[in-house]
Protein backbone atom coordinates (compact mmCIF):
# COMPACT_ATOMS: atom_id res chain seq x y z
CA MET A 1 114.59 117.33 113.89
CA MET A 2 112.81 114.07 114.73
CA HIS A 3 111.07 112.47 111.74
CA GLN A 4 108.24 110.01 112.11
CA LEU A 5 106.85 107.34 109.85
CA ILE A 6 103.37 107.74 108.68
CA LEU A 7 102.24 104.14 108.85
CA ARG A 8 99.49 102.28 110.69
CA GLU A 9 100.83 100.52 113.78
CA GLN A 10 99.58 97.14 112.66
CA ASP A 11 101.22 97.54 109.34
CA ARG A 12 104.53 98.57 110.84
CA LYS A 13 104.44 95.49 113.14
CA ARG A 14 103.67 93.20 110.19
CA LEU A 15 106.46 94.83 108.16
CA VAL A 16 109.01 94.21 111.06
CA GLU A 17 107.76 90.62 111.29
CA LEU A 18 108.36 90.06 107.62
CA LEU A 19 111.83 91.54 107.83
CA ALA A 20 112.76 89.33 110.76
CA ALA A 21 111.55 86.28 108.95
CA HIS A 22 113.14 86.88 105.56
CA LEU A 23 116.03 89.41 106.23
CA PRO A 24 116.94 88.86 109.82
CA ALA A 25 120.34 90.60 109.80
CA VAL A 26 119.13 93.51 107.64
CA THR A 27 118.42 97.10 108.85
CA ALA A 28 115.53 98.79 107.24
CA TRP A 29 115.07 102.61 106.79
CA ALA A 30 111.99 104.38 105.47
CA TYR A 31 112.32 107.54 103.32
CA GLY A 32 110.18 109.42 100.98
CA SER A 33 106.81 110.88 101.38
CA ARG A 34 105.79 108.76 104.40
CA VAL A 35 108.84 110.35 106.26
CA ASN A 36 108.83 113.80 105.05
CA GLY A 37 105.08 114.48 105.67
CA ASP A 38 103.85 114.51 102.01
CA ALA A 39 102.09 111.23 102.28
CA HIS A 40 98.32 110.64 101.62
CA GLU A 41 96.46 107.38 102.54
CA ALA A 42 97.53 105.65 99.30
CA SER A 43 101.11 106.68 99.26
CA ASP A 44 103.60 104.00 98.82
CA LEU A 45 106.21 103.26 101.44
CA ASP A 46 109.81 103.61 100.31
CA LEU A 47 112.31 101.26 102.14
CA VAL A 48 115.96 100.94 101.84
CA LEU A 49 117.52 97.72 103.14
CA ARG A 50 121.02 97.66 104.59
CA SER A 51 123.05 94.50 105.21
CA PRO A 52 125.31 94.57 108.20
CA ASP A 53 128.51 95.20 106.18
CA LEU A 54 126.62 97.07 103.43
CA SER A 55 127.35 94.37 100.86
CA PRO A 56 124.55 93.38 98.38
CA ILE A 57 121.80 91.47 99.82
CA PRO A 58 121.47 88.04 97.98
CA LEU A 59 118.82 88.43 95.35
CA GLU A 60 116.90 85.30 96.40
CA HIS A 61 116.54 86.66 99.98
CA LEU A 62 115.45 90.03 98.64
CA ASP A 63 112.91 88.30 96.16
CA ALA A 64 111.55 86.16 98.98
CA PHE A 65 110.99 89.26 101.14
CA LEU A 66 109.36 91.26 98.43
CA GLN A 67 107.04 88.31 97.62
CA ALA A 68 106.05 87.93 101.29
CA LEU A 69 105.22 91.73 101.19
CA ARG A 70 103.02 91.28 98.05
CA GLU A 71 101.14 88.38 99.90
CA SER A 72 100.92 90.34 103.14
CA ASN A 73 97.79 92.09 104.38
CA ILE A 74 99.51 95.40 104.34
CA PRO A 75 97.23 97.50 102.17
CA ILE A 76 99.84 99.77 100.62
CA LEU A 77 102.54 99.32 98.08
CA ILE A 78 106.11 98.92 99.62
CA GLU A 79 109.11 99.66 97.53
CA ALA A 80 112.24 98.08 98.89
CA ARG A 81 115.63 98.78 97.57
CA ASP A 82 118.99 97.40 98.56
CA TRP A 83 121.44 100.10 99.75
CA ALA A 84 124.36 98.35 98.12
CA ARG A 85 122.79 98.54 94.73
CA LEU A 86 121.91 102.23 94.80
CA PRO A 87 124.26 105.07 93.55
CA ASP A 88 126.01 107.39 96.05
CA ALA A 89 123.82 110.26 95.01
CA PHE A 90 120.74 108.37 96.15
CA HIS A 91 122.41 107.49 99.43
CA GLN A 92 122.98 111.22 100.05
CA GLU A 93 119.18 111.90 99.31
CA ILE A 94 118.09 109.20 101.75
CA LEU A 95 120.57 110.36 104.48
CA LYS A 96 118.84 113.68 104.52
CA ASN A 97 115.58 112.33 105.86
CA TYR A 98 114.82 108.80 107.03
CA VAL A 99 113.39 106.78 109.87
CA VAL A 100 114.84 103.47 111.12
CA VAL A 101 111.99 100.91 110.74
CA ARG A 102 114.12 98.08 112.10
CA GLU A 103 117.64 97.86 113.41
């Protein structure tokens, strides 16, 4: 089953630009309501960020990215979590239904 991300194209492009600028080696996956079809206009976007070797992303890099998101013109709340800092049970839930935002 192909899942799609419910997000305006200009917001997706801006998100990818911010990821490239602040976390260039990191893969980003979307999950949650904007992937499973339960989203409404004001729904937040849930992201999980995965470093190349799945080790923790340095907190200062993560914080800089989150700050850039807050200052961006993307009109929705974006929650970004580090894969390496999530429990295995959460990994299993995300793996059931996600969309790659950036490889």
